[in-house]
Amino acid sequence: MTDEELADAIAREVSAHAAVIRLDEGGLGTLATHLPGRRVRGVRVGAPGEPIALGVVLRLDRSLPRVTGELRARVRAIAGEVPVDIEVTDVVPVTARATR
């Protein structure tokens, strides 16, 4: 699987989680995979052996450790047993209206 295919597959799978409001690049825009002509925001796929990094905004309706564990499992189901770093860039209370 190419970096492009891997980044796209991870973005789709992580975005499908019920607690994920959206993927996020982080304050400095470093949580992204840069590809020819575009970038995959919120997913950074680096060189082999480097961790895959995610930036997410989460709905605050369950424990953050539980959600991040579930997200790691989803990434590893696609990428194999790799380190996965997750940065929760923001949370949105359940009572607030959130849009993807």
PDB file of N, CA and C in Angstrom:
ATOM      1  N   MET A   1       0.857  -1.179   0.000  1.00  0.00           N
ATOM      2  CA  MET A   1       0.000   0.000   0.000  1.00  0.00           C
ATOM      3  C   MET A   1       0.901   1.240   0.000  1.00  0.00           C
ATOM      4  N   THR A   2       0.617   2.184  -0.859  1.00  0.00           N
ATOM      5  CA  THR A   2       1.394   3.421  -0.917  1.00  0.00           C
ATOM      6  C   THR A   2       1.032   4.319   0.261  1.00  0.00           C
ATOM      7  N   ASP A   3       1.882   5.317   0.520  1.00  0.00           N
ATOM      8  CA  ASP A   3       1.580   6.284   1.585  1.00  0.00           C
ATOM      9  C   ASP A   3       0.252   6.983   1.327  1.00  0.00           C
ATOM     10  N   GLU A   4      -0.026   7.277   0.063  1.00  0.00           N
ATOM     11  CA  GLU A   4      -1.279   7.943  -0.294  1.00  0.00           C
ATOM     12  C   GLU A   4      -2.474   7.061   0.046  1.00  0.00           C
ATOM     13  N   GLU A   5      -2.416   5.798  -0.353  1.00  0.00           N
ATOM     14  CA  GLU A   5      -3.509   4.869  -0.059  1.00  0.00           C
ATOM     15  C   GLU A   5      -3.664   4.661   1.443  1.00  0.00           C
ATOM     16  N   LEU A   6      -2.535   4.548   2.147  1.00  0.00           N
ATOM     17  CA  LEU A   6      -2.570   4.339   3.587  1.00  0.00           C
ATOM     18  C   LEU A   6      -3.172   5.547   4.296  1.00  0.00           C
ATOM     19  N   ALA A   7      -2.732   6.741   3.961  1.00  0.00           N
ATOM     20  CA  ALA A   7      -3.260   7.953   4.592  1.00  0.00           C
ATOM     21  C   ALA A   7      -4.753   8.106   4.329  1.00  0.00           C
ATOM     22  N   ASP A   8      -5.180   7.857   3.093  1.00  0.00           N
ATOM     23  CA  ASP A   8      -6.606   7.969   2.760  1.00  0.00           C
ATOM     24  C   ASP A   8      -7.436   6.927   3.514  1.00  0.00           C
ATOM     25  N   ALA A   9      -6.938   5.696   3.577  1.00  0.00           N
ATOM     26  CA  ALA A   9      -7.671   4.629   4.273  1.00  0.00           C
ATOM     27  C   ALA A   9      -7.788   4.931   5.762  1.00  0.00           C
ATOM     28  N   ILE A  10      -6.709   5.410   6.366  1.00  0.00           N
ATOM     29  CA  ILE A  10      -6.746   5.758   7.791  1.00  0.00           C
ATOM     30  C   ILE A  10      -7.708   6.914   8.017  1.00  0.00           C
ATOM     31  N   ALA A  11      -7.665   7.923   7.175  1.00  0.00           N
ATOM     32  CA  ALA A  11      -8.567   9.076   7.331  1.00  0.00           C
ATOM     33  C   ALA A  11     -10.026   8.639   7.265  1.00  0.00           C
ATOM     34  N   ARG A  12     -10.355   7.764   6.328  1.00  0.00           N
ATOM     35  CA  ARG A  12     -11.745   7.280   6.216  1.00  0.00           C
ATOM     36  C   ARG A  12     -12.154   6.499   7.470  1.00  0.00           C
ATOM     37  N   GLU A  13     -11.285   5.602   7.905  1.00  0.00           N
ATOM     38  CA  GLU A  13     -11.613   4.743   9.048  1.00  0.00           C
ATOM     39  C   GLU A  13     -11.735   5.536  10.345  1.00  0.00           C
ATOM     40  N   VAL A  14     -10.824   6.447  10.584  1.00  0.00           N
ATOM     41  CA  VAL A  14     -10.862   7.254  11.803  1.00  0.00           C
ATOM     42  C   VAL A  14     -12.065   8.190  11.773  1.00  0.00           C
ATOM     43  N   SER A  15     -12.333   8.796  10.635  1.00  0.00           N
ATOM     44  CA  SER A  15     -13.473   9.717  10.518  1.00  0.00           C
ATOM     45  C   SER A  15     -14.807   9.013  10.727  1.00  0.00           C
ATOM     46  N   ALA A  16     -14.860   7.714  10.474  1.00  0.00           N
ATOM     47  CA  ALA A  16     -16.101   6.945  10.635  1.00  0.00           C
ATOM     48  C   ALA A  16     -16.427   6.640  12.095  1.00  0.00           C
ATOM     49  N   HIS A  17     -15.486   6.854  12.993  1.00  0.00           N
ATOM     50  CA  HIS A  17     -15.742   6.589  14.420  1.00  0.00           C
ATOM     51  C   HIS A  17     -16.762   7.603  14.937  1.00  0.00           C
ATOM     52  N   ALA A  18     -17.706   7.136  15.723  1.00  0.00           N
ATOM     53  CA  ALA A  18     -18.804   7.985  16.208  1.00  0.00           C
ATOM     54  C   ALA A  18     -18.333   9.167  17.054  1.00  0.00           C
ATOM     55  N   ALA A  19     -17.205   9.039  17.728  1.00  0.00           N
ATOM     56  CA  ALA A  19     -16.736  10.125  18.597  1.00  0.00           C
ATOM     57  C   ALA A  19     -15.909  11.171  17.847  1.00  0.00           C
ATOM     58  N   VAL A  20     -15.530  10.885  16.623  1.00  0.00           N
ATOM     59  CA  VAL A  20     -14.675  11.811  15.871  1.00  0.00           C
ATOM     60  C   VAL A  20     -15.543  12.825  15.138  1.00  0.00           C
ATOM     61  N   ILE A  21     -15.361  14.078  15.502  1.00  0.00           N
ATOM     62  CA  ILE A  21     -16.068  15.153  14.813  1.00  0.00           C
ATOM     63  C   ILE A  21     -15.353  15.476  13.506  1.00  0.00           C
ATOM     64  N   ARG A  22     -14.011  15.566  13.596  1.00  0.00           N
ATOM     65  CA  ARG A  22     -13.235  15.809  12.376  1.00  0.00           C
ATOM     66  C   ARG A  22     -11.765  15.533  12.645  1.00  0.00           C
ATOM     67  N   LEU A  23     -11.031  15.330  11.572  1.00  0.00           N
ATOM     68  CA  LEU A  23      -9.580  15.251  11.636  1.00  0.00           C
ATOM     69  C   LEU A  23      -9.044  16.673  11.674  1.00  0.00           C
ATOM     70  N   ASP A  24      -7.893  16.865  12.315  1.00  0.00           N
ATOM     71  CA  ASP A  24      -7.360  18.214  12.492  1.00  0.00           C
ATOM     72  C   ASP A  24      -5.841  18.199  12.319  1.00  0.00           C
ATOM     73  N   GLU A  25      -5.303  19.215  11.661  1.00  0.00           N
ATOM     74  CA  GLU A  25      -3.866  19.311  11.410  1.00  0.00           C
ATOM     75  C   GLU A  25      -3.060  19.773  12.613  1.00  0.00           C
ATOM     76  N   GLY A  26      -3.724  20.230  13.652  1.00  0.00           N
ATOM     77  CA  GLY A  26      -3.004  20.781  14.792  1.00  0.00           C
ATOM     78  C   GLY A  26      -2.678  22.244  14.561  1.00  0.00           C
ATOM     79  N   GLY A  27      -2.225  22.896  15.611  1.00  0.00           N
ATOM     80  CA  GLY A  27      -1.969  24.332  15.578  1.00  0.00           C
ATOM     81  C   GLY A  27      -0.935  24.769  14.555  1.00  0.00           C
ATOM     82  N   LEU A  28       0.063  23.941  14.304  1.00  0.00           N
ATOM     83  CA  LEU A  28       1.109  24.300  13.348  1.00  0.00           C
ATOM     84  C   LEU A  28       0.939  23.622  11.996  1.00  0.00           C
ATOM     85  N   GLY A  29      -0.131  22.867  11.841  1.00  0.00           N
ATOM     86  CA  GLY A  29      -0.394  22.202  10.565  1.00  0.00           C
ATOM     87  C   GLY A  29       0.522  21.027  10.272  1.00  0.00           C
ATOM     88  N   THR A  30       1.125  20.459  11.311  1.00  0.00           N
ATOM     89  CA  THR A  30       2.091  19.377  11.106  1.00  0.00           C
ATOM     90  C   THR A  30       1.456  17.995  11.062  1.00  0.00           C
ATOM     91  N   LEU A  31       0.203  17.888  11.454  1.00  0.00           N
ATOM     92  CA  LEU A  31      -0.464  16.588  11.445  1.00  0.00           C
ATOM     93  C   LEU A  31      -1.174  16.392  10.112  1.00  0.00           C
ATOM     94  N   ALA A  32      -0.371  16.116   9.101  1.00  0.00           N
ATOM     95  CA  ALA A  32      -0.901  15.924   7.744  1.00  0.00           C
ATOM     96  C   ALA A  32       0.101  15.113   6.943  1.00  0.00           C
ATOM     97  N   THR A  33      -0.416  14.414   5.943  1.00  0.00           N
ATOM     98  CA  THR A  33       0.434  13.721   4.982  1.00  0.00           C
ATOM     99  C   THR A  33       0.408  14.545   3.707  1.00  0.00           C
ATOM    100  N   HIS A  34       1.572  15.009   3.298  1.00  0.00           N
ATOM    101  CA  HIS A  34       1.677  15.841   2.100  1.00  0.00           C
ATOM    102  C   HIS A  34       1.897  14.955   0.885  1.00  0.00           C
ATOM    103  N   LEU A  35       1.016  15.111  -0.072  1.00  0.00           N
ATOM    104  CA  LEU A  35       1.036  14.305  -1.295  1.00  0.00           C
ATOM    105  C   LEU A  35       1.079  15.244  -2.491  1.00  0.00           C
ATOM    106  N   PRO A  36       1.406  14.730  -3.655  1.00  0.00           N
ATOM    107  CA  PRO A  36       1.418  15.603  -4.834  1.00  0.00           C
ATOM    108  C   PRO A  36       0.050  16.263  -5.055  1.00  0.00           C
ATOM    109  N   GLY A  37       0.008  17.561  -4.968  1.00  0.00           N
ATOM    110  CA  GLY A  37      -1.210  18.311  -5.247  1.00  0.00           C
ATOM    111  C   GLY A  37      -2.240  18.364  -4.130  1.00  0.00           C
ATOM    112  N   ARG A  38      -1.977  17.711  -3.019  1.00  0.00           N
ATOM    113  CA  ARG A  38      -2.953  17.739  -1.917  1.00  0.00           C
ATOM    114  C   ARG A  38      -2.309  17.225  -0.637  1.00  0.00           C
ATOM    115  N   ARG A  39      -3.070  17.313   0.440  1.00  0.00           N
ATOM    116  CA  ARG A  39      -2.608  16.731   1.703  1.00  0.00           C
ATOM    117  C   ARG A  39      -3.792  16.093   2.408  1.00  0.00           C
ATOM    118  N   VAL A  40      -3.496  15.097   3.213  1.00  0.00           N
ATOM    119  CA  VAL A  40      -4.514  14.439   4.023  1.00  0.00           C
ATOM    120  C   VAL A  40      -4.391  15.040   5.422  1.00  0.00           C
ATOM    121  N   ARG A  41      -5.341  15.884   5.765  1.00  0.00           N
ATOM    122  CA  ARG A  41      -5.312  16.579   7.053  1.00  0.00           C
ATOM    123  C   ARG A  41      -5.629  15.622   8.197  1.00  0.00           C
ATOM    124  N   GLY A  42      -4.867  15.757   9.279  1.00  0.00           N
ATOM    125  CA  GLY A  42      -5.134  14.984  10.480  1.00  0.00           C
ATOM    126  C   GLY A  42      -4.499  13.613  10.516  1.00  0.00           C
ATOM    127  N   VAL A  43      -3.803  13.221   9.459  1.00  0.00           N
ATOM    128  CA  VAL A  43      -3.118  11.921   9.412  1.00  0.00           C
ATOM    129  C   VAL A  43      -1.715  12.161   8.864  1.00  0.00           C
ATOM    130  N   ARG A  44      -0.710  11.806   9.678  1.00  0.00           N
ATOM    131  CA  ARG A  44       0.664  11.925   9.186  1.00  0.00           C
ATOM    132  C   ARG A  44       1.276  10.532   9.102  1.00  0.00           C
ATOM    133  N   VAL A  45       1.582  10.123   7.880  1.00  0.00           N
ATOM    134  CA  VAL A  45       2.258   8.857   7.622  1.00  0.00           C
ATOM    135  C   VAL A  45       3.685   9.211   7.265  1.00  0.00           C
ATOM    136  N   GLY A  46       4.622   8.740   8.068  1.00  0.00           N
ATOM    137  CA  GLY A  46       6.030   9.058   7.835  1.00  0.00           C
ATOM    138  C   GLY A  46       6.772   7.896   7.217  1.00  0.00           C
ATOM    139  N   ALA A  47       8.058   7.914   7.403  1.00  0.00           N
ATOM    140  CA  ALA A  47       8.926   6.850   6.894  1.00  0.00           C
ATOM    141  C   ALA A  47       8.659   5.558   7.664  1.00  0.00           C
ATOM    142  N   PRO A  48       9.004   4.431   7.079  1.00  0.00           N
ATOM    143  CA  PRO A  48       8.822   3.156   7.791  1.00  0.00           C
ATOM    144  C   PRO A  48       9.495   3.196   9.168  1.00  0.00           C
ATOM    145  N   GLY A  49       8.787   2.692  10.158  1.00  0.00           N
ATOM    146  CA  GLY A  49       9.296   2.694  11.524  1.00  0.00           C
ATOM    147  C   GLY A  49       8.896   3.914  12.336  1.00  0.00           C
ATOM    148  N   GLU A  50       8.492   4.984  11.668  1.00  0.00           N
ATOM    149  CA  GLU A  50       8.021   6.171  12.380  1.00  0.00           C
ATOM    150  C   GLU A  50       6.566   5.975  12.765  1.00  0.00           C
ATOM    151  N   PRO A  51       6.148   6.580  13.886  1.00  0.00           N
ATOM    152  CA  PRO A  51       4.734   6.452  14.265  1.00  0.00           C
ATOM    153  C   PRO A  51       3.823   7.126  13.256  1.00  0.00           C
ATOM    154  N   ILE A  52       2.626   6.602  13.141  1.00  0.00           N
ATOM    155  CA  ILE A  52       1.560   7.287  12.419  1.00  0.00           C
ATOM    156  C   ILE A  52       0.941   8.249  13.420  1.00  0.00           C
ATOM    157  N   ALA A  53       0.734   9.475  13.009  1.00  0.00           N
ATOM    158  CA  ALA A  53       0.195  10.488  13.909  1.00  0.00           C
ATOM    159  C   ALA A  53      -1.188  10.919  13.448  1.00  0.00           C
ATOM    160  N   LEU A  54      -2.084  11.067  14.414  1.00  0.00           N
ATOM    161  CA  LEU A  54      -3.440  11.536  14.146  1.00  0.00           C
ATOM    162  C   LEU A  54      -3.697  12.813  14.928  1.00  0.00           C
ATOM    163  N   GLY A  55      -4.460  13.710  14.343  1.00  0.00           N
ATOM    164  CA  GLY A  55      -4.990  14.872  15.035  1.00  0.00           C
ATOM    165  C   GLY A  55      -6.499  14.815  14.916  1.00  0.00           C
ATOM    166  N   VAL A  56      -7.192  14.809  16.051  1.00  0.00           N
ATOM    167  CA  VAL A  56      -8.640  14.655  16.027  1.00  0.00           C
ATOM    168  C   VAL A  56      -9.334  15.634  16.958  1.00  0.00           C
ATOM    169  N   VAL A  57     -10.523  16.025  16.564  1.00  0.00           N
ATOM    170  CA  VAL A  57     -11.451  16.734  17.432  1.00  0.00           C
ATOM    171  C   VAL A  57     -12.518  15.711  17.796  1.00  0.00           C
ATOM    172  N   LEU A  58     -12.738  15.536  19.102  1.00  0.00           N
ATOM    173  CA  LEU A  58     -13.632  14.475  19.560  1.00  0.00           C
ATOM    174  C   LEU A  58     -14.874  15.011  20.245  1.00  0.00           C
ATOM    175  N   ARG A  59     -15.944  14.254  20.112  1.00  0.00           N
ATOM    176  CA  ARG A  59     -17.188  14.480  20.840  1.00  0.00           C
ATOM    177  C   ARG A  59     -16.939  13.932  22.243  1.00  0.00           C
ATOM    178  N   LEU A  60     -17.216  14.727  23.242  1.00  0.00           N
ATOM    179  CA  LEU A  60     -16.916  14.358  24.630  1.00  0.00           C
ATOM    180  C   LEU A  60     -18.105  13.626  25.245  1.00  0.00           C
ATOM    181  N   ASP A  61     -18.342  12.396  24.761  1.00  0.00           N
ATOM    182  CA  ASP A  61     -19.467  11.628  25.295  1.00  0.00           C
ATOM    183  C   ASP A  61     -19.022  10.287  25.869  1.00  0.00           C
ATOM    184  N   ARG A  62     -17.716  10.041  25.915  1.00  0.00           N
ATOM    185  CA  ARG A  62     -17.163   8.828  26.515  1.00  0.00           C
ATOM    186  C   ARG A  62     -15.718   9.122  26.904  1.00  0.00           C
ATOM    187  N   SER A  63     -15.082   8.203  27.576  1.00  0.00           N
ATOM    188  CA  SER A  63     -13.731   8.468  28.073  1.00  0.00           C
ATOM    189  C   SER A  63     -12.738   8.613  26.916  1.00  0.00           C
ATOM    190  N   LEU A  64     -11.870   9.601  27.050  1.00  0.00           N
ATOM    191  CA  LEU A  64     -10.874   9.840  26.002  1.00  0.00           C
ATOM    192  C   LEU A  64      -9.903   8.665  25.855  1.00  0.00           C
ATOM    193  N   PRO A  65      -9.434   8.049  26.953  1.00  0.00           N
ATOM    194  CA  PRO A  65      -8.558   6.888  26.769  1.00  0.00           C
ATOM    195  C   PRO A  65      -9.239   5.748  26.000  1.00  0.00           C
ATOM    196  N   ARG A  66     -10.512   5.544  26.237  1.00  0.00           N
ATOM    197  CA  ARG A  66     -11.250   4.501  25.505  1.00  0.00           C
ATOM    198  C   ARG A  66     -11.309   4.827  24.015  1.00  0.00           C
ATOM    199  N   VAL A  67     -11.647   6.064  23.702  1.00  0.00           N
ATOM    200  CA  VAL A  67     -11.760   6.469  22.294  1.00  0.00           C
ATOM    201  C   VAL A  67     -10.406   6.391  21.598  1.00  0.00           C
ATOM    202  N   THR A  68      -9.353   6.910  22.234  1.00  0.00           N
ATOM    203  CA  THR A  68      -8.042   6.867  21.590  1.00  0.00           C
ATOM    204  C   THR A  68      -7.564   5.419  21.413  1.00  0.00           C
ATOM    205  N   GLY A  69      -7.892   4.551  22.348  1.00  0.00           N
ATOM    206  CA  GLY A  69      -7.573   3.130  22.187  1.00  0.00           C
ATOM    207  C   GLY A  69      -8.290   2.526  20.993  1.00  0.00           C
ATOM    208  N   GLU A  70      -9.564   2.881  20.827  1.00  0.00           N
ATOM    209  CA  GLU A  70     -10.334   2.388  19.683  1.00  0.00           C
ATOM    210  C   GLU A  70      -9.759   2.919  18.364  1.00  0.00           C
ATOM    211  N   LEU A  71      -9.335   4.181  18.366  1.00  0.00           N
ATOM    212  CA  LEU A  71      -8.751   4.755  17.150  1.00  0.00           C
ATOM    213  C   LEU A  71      -7.429   4.076  16.809  1.00  0.00           C
ATOM    214  N   ARG A  72      -6.597   3.810  17.826  1.00  0.00           N
ATOM    215  CA  ARG A  72      -5.339   3.090  17.586  1.00  0.00           C
ATOM    216  C   ARG A  72      -5.613   1.723  16.961  1.00  0.00           C
ATOM    217  N   ALA A  73      -6.606   1.022  17.491  1.00  0.00           N
ATOM    218  CA  ALA A  73      -6.951  -0.300  16.960  1.00  0.00           C
ATOM    219  C   ALA A  73      -7.388  -0.204  15.501  1.00  0.00           C
ATOM    220  N   ARG A  74      -8.156   0.827  15.151  1.00  0.00           N
ATOM    221  CA  ARG A  74      -8.596   0.997  13.761  1.00  0.00           C
ATOM    222  C   ARG A  74      -7.412   1.249  12.833  1.00  0.00           C
ATOM    223  N   VAL A  75      -6.467   2.082  13.297  1.00  0.00           N
ATOM    224  CA  VAL A  75      -5.291   2.369  12.475  1.00  0.00           C
ATOM    225  C   VAL A  75      -4.458   1.100  12.296  1.00  0.00           C
ATOM    226  N   ARG A  76      -4.255   0.361  13.371  1.00  0.00           N
ATOM    227  CA  ARG A  76      -3.432  -0.856  13.293  1.00  0.00           C
ATOM    228  C   ARG A  76      -4.092  -1.941  12.449  1.00  0.00           C
ATOM    229  N   ALA A  77      -5.407  -1.939  12.368  1.00  0.00           N
ATOM    230  CA  ALA A  77      -6.098  -2.904  11.503  1.00  0.00           C
ATOM    231  C   ALA A  77      -5.763  -2.647  10.036  1.00  0.00           C
ATOM    232  N   ILE A  78      -5.417  -1.415   9.719  1.00  0.00           N
ATOM    233  CA  ILE A  78      -5.074  -1.045   8.347  1.00  0.00           C
ATOM    234  C   ILE A  78      -3.558  -1.104   8.120  1.00  0.00           C
ATOM    235  N   ALA A  79      -2.799  -0.551   9.076  1.00  0.00           N
ATOM    236  CA  ALA A  79      -1.362  -0.351   8.879  1.00  0.00           C
ATOM    237  C   ALA A  79      -0.488  -1.424   9.517  1.00  0.00           C
ATOM    238  N   GLY A  80      -1.065  -2.296  10.307  1.00  0.00           N
ATOM    239  CA  GLY A  80      -0.267  -3.291  11.014  1.00  0.00           C
ATOM    240  C   GLY A  80       0.153  -2.767  12.380  1.00  0.00           C
ATOM    241  N   GLU A  81       0.975  -3.523  13.052  1.00  0.00           N
ATOM    242  CA  GLU A  81       1.406  -3.168  14.413  1.00  0.00           C
ATOM    243  C   GLU A  81       2.454  -2.059  14.375  1.00  0.00           C
ATOM    244  N   VAL A  82       1.994  -0.846  14.244  1.00  0.00           N
ATOM    245  CA  VAL A  82       2.868   0.327  14.211  1.00  0.00           C
ATOM    246  C   VAL A  82       2.531   1.222  15.394  1.00  0.00           C
ATOM    247  N   PRO A  83       3.492   2.033  15.840  1.00  0.00           N
ATOM    248  CA  PRO A  83       3.157   3.022  16.865  1.00  0.00           C
ATOM    249  C   PRO A  83       2.162   4.036  16.291  1.00  0.00           C
ATOM    250  N   VAL A  84       1.196   4.427  17.111  1.00  0.00           N
ATOM    251  CA  VAL A  84       0.192   5.408  16.687  1.00  0.00           C
ATOM    252  C   VAL A  84       0.117   6.488  17.753  1.00  0.00           C
ATOM    253  N   ASP A  85       0.494   7.703  17.383  1.00  0.00           N
ATOM    254  CA  ASP A  85       0.401   8.856  18.278  1.00  0.00           C
ATOM    255  C   ASP A  85      -0.884   9.607  17.958  1.00  0.00           C
ATOM    256  N   ILE A  86      -1.650   9.922  18.998  1.00  0.00           N
ATOM    257  CA  ILE A  86      -2.912  10.629  18.784  1.00  0.00           C
ATOM    258  C   ILE A  86      -2.891  11.925  19.578  1.00  0.00           C
ATOM    259  N   GLU A  87      -3.135  13.025  18.873  1.00  0.00           N
ATOM    260  CA  GLU A  87      -3.262  14.324  19.519  1.00  0.00           C
ATOM    261  C   GLU A  87      -4.730  14.736  19.442  1.00  0.00           C
ATOM    262  N   VAL A  88      -5.350  14.846  20.607  1.00  0.00           N
ATOM    263  CA  VAL A  88      -6.721  15.348  20.666  1.00  0.00           C
ATOM    264  C   VAL A  88      -6.597  16.865  20.710  1.00  0.00           C
ATOM    265  N   THR A  89      -6.903  17.500  19.582  1.00  0.00           N
ATOM    266  CA  THR A  89      -6.689  18.936  19.464  1.00  0.00           C
ATOM    267  C   THR A  89      -7.820  19.754  20.071  1.00  0.00           C
ATOM    268  N   ASP A  90      -8.989  19.117  20.230  1.00  0.00           N
ATOM    269  CA  ASP A  90     -10.120  19.800  20.852  1.00  0.00           C
ATOM    270  C   ASP A  90     -11.181  18.760  21.178  1.00  0.00           C
ATOM    271  N   VAL A  91     -12.047  19.118  22.102  1.00  0.00           N
ATOM    272  CA  VAL A  91     -13.211  18.295  22.427  1.00  0.00           C
ATOM    273  C   VAL A  91     -14.447  19.178  22.387  1.00  0.00           C
ATOM    274  N   VAL A  92     -15.568  18.576  22.050  1.00  0.00           N
ATOM    275  CA  VAL A  92     -16.828  19.290  21.969  1.00  0.00           C
ATOM    276  C   VAL A  92     -17.821  18.583  22.881  1.00  0.00           C
ATOM    277  N   PRO A  93     -18.384  19.311  23.843  1.00  0.00           N
ATOM    278  CA  PRO A  93     -19.382  18.688  24.728  1.00  0.00           C
ATOM    279  C   PRO A  93     -20.562  18.142  23.923  1.00  0.00           C
ATOM    280  N   VAL A  94     -21.171  17.117  24.437  1.00  0.00           N
ATOM    281  CA  VAL A  94     -22.295  16.486  23.745  1.00  0.00           C
ATOM    282  C   VAL A  94     -23.433  17.466  23.535  1.00  0.00           C
ATOM    283  N   THR A  95     -23.626  18.388  24.444  1.00  0.00           N
ATOM    284  CA  THR A  95     -24.745  19.332  24.341  1.00  0.00           C
ATOM    285  C   THR A  95     -24.524  20.366  23.243  1.00  0.00           C
ATOM    286  N   ALA A  96     -23.267  20.559  22.814  1.00  0.00           N
ATOM    287  CA  ALA A  96     -23.006  21.544  21.760  1.00  0.00           C
ATOM    288  C   ALA A  96     -23.307  20.934  20.402  1.00  0.00           C
ATOM    289  N   ARG A  97     -23.698  21.772  19.468  1.00  0.00           N
ATOM    290  CA  ARG A  97     -23.907  21.305  18.102  1.00  0.00           C
ATOM    291  C   ARG A  97     -22.548  21.195  17.434  1.00  0.00           C
ATOM    292  N   ALA A  98     -22.286  20.045  16.866  1.00  0.00           N
ATOM    293  CA  ALA A  98     -21.024  19.825  16.188  1.00  0.00           C
ATOM    294  C   ALA A  98     -21.288  19.423  14.743  1.00  0.00           C
ATOM    295  N   THR A  99     -20.491  19.978  13.858  1.00  0.00           N
ATOM    296  CA  THR A  99     -20.597  19.603  12.458  1.00  0.00           C
ATOM    297  C   THR A  99     -19.282  19.013  12.012  1.00  0.00           C
ATOM    298  N   ARG A 100     -19.356  18.087  11.119  1.00  0.00           N
ATOM    299  CA  ARG A 100     -18.128  17.450  10.598  1.00  0.00           C
ATOM    300  C   ARG A 100     -17.503  18.327   9.567  1.00  0.00           C
TER     301      ARG A 100
END
